[in-house]
Protein backbone atom coordinates (compact mmCIF):
# COMPACT_ATOMS: atom_id res chain seq x y z
CA THR A 1 9.91 -11.28 -8.97
CA GLN A 2 11.22 -7.74 -9.35
CA LYS A 3 12.34 -8.24 -12.95
CA SER A 4 9.14 -10.10 -13.90
CA LEU A 5 7.13 -7.09 -12.67
CA GLY A 6 9.06 -4.77 -14.96
CA ILE A 7 11.13 -3.06 -12.25
CA HIS A 8 14.69 -2.83 -13.50
CA ARG A 9 16.28 -0.75 -10.77
CA SER A 10 18.00 -2.07 -7.67
CA ILE A 11 15.77 -2.16 -4.60
CA SER A 12 17.11 -2.97 -1.17
CA ILE A 13 15.07 -4.75 1.48
CA PHE A 14 15.86 -4.08 5.15
CA LEU A 15 14.49 -5.29 8.46
CA SER A 16 13.73 -2.58 10.99
CA GLN A 17 12.67 -2.68 14.61
CA ARG A 18 11.48 0.96 14.47
CA ILE A 19 8.46 0.41 12.22
CA ALA A 20 5.22 -1.47 12.78
CA THR A 21 4.18 -2.09 9.16
CA PRO A 22 6.03 -2.64 5.88
CA MET A 23 6.75 0.48 3.88
CA MET A 24 8.59 1.77 0.86
CA MET A 25 10.91 4.76 1.16
CA GLY A 26 13.18 6.65 -1.17
CA ILE A 27 13.08 8.20 -4.61
CA ILE A 28 16.46 7.63 -6.24
CA LYS A 29 17.30 4.41 -4.39
CA PRO A 30 14.01 2.92 -3.17
CA VAL A 31 14.13 0.78 -0.06
CA ILE A 32 11.54 -1.60 1.34
CA LEU A 33 11.42 -1.79 5.13
CA ILE A 34 9.93 -4.82 6.86
CA PRO A 35 9.23 -4.84 10.62
CA LEU A 36 11.67 -7.17 12.31
CA ALA A 37 9.13 -8.59 14.74
CA THR A 38 6.71 -9.66 12.00
CA ILE A 39 9.19 -11.66 9.96
CA ASN A 40 8.66 -14.75 12.16
CA HIS A 41 4.87 -14.48 11.94
CA LEU A 42 4.59 -14.48 8.14
CA SER A 43 4.91 -17.49 5.88
CA ILE A 44 7.09 -17.31 2.76
CA GLU A 45 3.99 -16.85 0.57
CA GLU A 46 2.63 -14.10 2.82
CA LEU A 47 5.95 -12.27 2.84
CA GLU A 48 6.15 -12.51 -0.96
CA THR A 49 2.72 -10.94 -1.33
CA ILE A 50 3.65 -8.08 1.03
CA LEU A 51 6.87 -7.49 -0.91
CA MET A 52 4.87 -7.55 -4.16
CA HIS A 53 2.55 -4.89 -2.71
CA GLU A 54 5.50 -2.65 -1.89
CA LEU A 55 7.03 -3.29 -5.32
CA ALA A 56 3.71 -2.19 -6.83
CA HIS A 57 4.12 1.18 -5.09
CA ILE A 58 7.56 1.47 -6.70
CA LYS A 59 6.33 0.38 -10.13
CA ARG A 60 3.47 2.92 -9.98
CA HIS A 61 5.84 5.69 -8.80
CA ASP A 62 3.57 6.35 -5.82
CA TYR A 63 6.41 8.16 -4.04
CA LEU A 64 6.14 10.99 -6.61
CA LEU A 65 2.41 11.24 -6.14
CA ASN A 66 2.91 11.23 -2.39
CA ILE A 67 5.32 14.18 -2.61
CA PHE A 68 2.89 16.09 -4.84
CA GLN A 69 0.00 15.23 -2.56
CA THR A 70 1.90 16.39 0.54
CA VAL A 71 2.83 19.70 -1.08
CA VAL A 72 -0.76 20.38 -2.18
CA LYS A 73 -2.13 19.35 1.21
CA THR A 74 0.36 21.66 2.95
CA ILE A 75 -0.60 24.62 0.76
CA MET A 76 -4.33 23.90 1.05
CA PHE A 77 -4.29 22.79 4.71
CA PHE A 78 -7.34 24.93 5.49
CA ASN A 79 -9.57 23.21 2.95
CA PRO A 80 -11.50 20.20 4.38
CA PHE A 81 -12.20 18.97 0.85
CA MET A 82 -8.44 18.69 0.28
CA TRP A 83 -8.09 16.51 3.40
CA TRP A 84 -10.92 14.28 2.18
CA ILE A 85 -9.54 13.97 -1.36
CA SER A 86 -6.06 13.26 0.04
CA ALA A 87 -7.37 10.43 2.23
CA THR A 88 -9.38 9.05 -0.70
CA VAL A 89 -6.38 9.13 -3.05
CA ARG A 90 -4.20 7.45 -0.42
CA ARG A 91 -6.82 4.71 0.09
CA GLU A 92 -7.17 4.19 -3.67
CA ARG A 93 -3.39 3.89 -4.05
CA GLU A 94 -3.49 1.04 -1.55
CA HIS A 95 -6.41 -0.54 -3.42
CA CYS A 96 -4.47 -0.31 -6.71
CA CYS A 97 -1.50 -2.07 -5.16
CA ASP A 98 -3.82 -4.71 -3.68
CA GLU A 99 -5.25 -5.30 -7.15
CA PHE A 100 -1.72 -5.55 -8.54
CA VAL A 101 -0.89 -8.28 -6.02
CA VAL A 102 -4.07 -10.22 -6.80
CA ALA A 103 -3.49 -9.88 -10.55
CA ASN A 104 0.12 -11.12 -10.31
CA THR A 105 -0.37 -13.97 -7.89
CA ASN A 106 -2.84 -16.78 -7.38
CA ARG A 107 -2.74 -16.38 -3.60
CA PRO A 108 -5.24 -13.74 -2.50
CA LEU A 109 -5.90 -15.67 0.72
CA SER A 110 -2.19 -15.52 1.64
CA TYR A 111 -2.18 -11.79 1.02
CA ALA A 112 -5.31 -11.28 3.15
CA LYS A 113 -3.76 -13.37 5.95
CA ALA A 114 -0.55 -11.33 5.73
CA LEU A 115 -2.48 -8.07 6.09
CA ALA A 116 -4.36 -9.44 9.10
CA THR A 117 -1.10 -10.61 10.69
CA LEU A 118 0.51 -7.23 10.15
CA GLU A 119 -2.50 -5.49 11.68
CA THR A 120 -2.39 -7.78 14.72
CA TYR A 121 1.27 -6.96 15.23
CA ARG A 122 0.68 -3.22 14.72
CA ILE A 123 -2.07 -3.20 17.38
CA ASN A 124 0.06 -5.21 19.83
CA SER A 125 3.15 -3.05 19.31
CA GLY A 126 1.37 0.11 20.49
CA ASN A 127 2.78 2.03 17.52
CA LEU A 128 0.42 4.52 15.90
CA ALA A 129 2.04 4.28 12.47
CA MET A 130 -0.27 3.59 9.55
CA ALA A 131 1.27 2.25 6.36
CA ALA A 132 0.46 -1.04 4.65
CA SER A 133 -2.39 -2.00 6.95
CA GLY A 134 -4.20 1.29 7.64
CA ASN A 135 -6.92 1.61 10.29
CA LYS A 136 -9.20 -1.24 11.34
CA ASN A 137 -12.15 -0.44 9.06
CA GLN A 138 -9.90 0.19 6.07
CA LEU A 139 -8.11 -3.09 6.73
CA PHE A 140 -11.39 -5.00 6.92
CA ASN A 141 -12.56 -3.38 3.66
CA ARG A 142 -9.24 -4.12 1.94
CA ILE A 143 -9.32 -7.79 2.97
CA LYS A 144 -12.96 -8.04 1.84
CA ARG A 145 -12.06 -6.45 -1.53
CA ILE A 146 -9.10 -8.81 -1.96
CA MET A 147 -11.23 -11.88 -1.34
CA GLU A 148 -13.97 -10.67 -3.73
CA MET A 149 -11.61 -9.37 -6.41
CA LYS A 150 -11.76 -10.77 -9.91
CA LYS A 151 -8.99 -10.30 -12.42
CA ASN A 152 -9.27 -7.73 -15.25
CA THR A 153 -12.32 -5.84 -14.04
CA ILE A 154 -12.93 -2.13 -14.49
CA ASN A 155 -12.56 -0.27 -11.21
CA TYR A 156 -15.17 2.48 -11.22
CA SER A 157 -13.97 3.89 -7.89
CA GLN A 158 -10.54 4.59 -9.43
CA LEU A 159 -12.20 6.22 -12.41
CA THR A 160 -14.34 8.37 -10.12
CA ILE A 161 -11.33 9.42 -8.02
CA THR A 162 -9.36 10.32 -11.14
CA ILE A 163 -12.20 12.49 -12.42
CA LEU A 164 -12.51 14.16 -8.98
CA VAL A 165 -8.78 14.88 -8.79
CA ILE A 166 -8.71 16.32 -12.30
CA THR A 167 -11.77 18.44 -11.52
CA ALA A 168 -10.25 19.64 -8.25
CA LEU A 169 -6.99 20.63 -9.98
């Protein structure tokens, strides 16, 4: 899957009992972490879609944008508009990766089920971490978007966010 997505670098996948949701870490040697407790609750198809979502973050170089976003947010911590734009950009990055999964697989239902399973585990674990699943309303909106998504459509929200970010800079 990794090679077919155009990712030619080595990416390690590890199980961790310290996280509640899947996440991608690292710049030079990216690593995908999967919560150990969720591995038994996901089917093979669901796990593949979650891994594809994390690979999309790597393919899009979201880690670089995240570093830039953190630096700007730290410098402009006093500006409420910066907090809003940061949350919006973070949400849109997740939406882009969701769209990537739907575009590269014919299993949007499996992906939606996987997100719901991960959210159930996150709530039951008592961990406040927020990565692949986000908060409850965002999760519901993401699942709804996934189920309504059509391939090769123009995403006006992404275009609007891009224009806002460019204007803000």
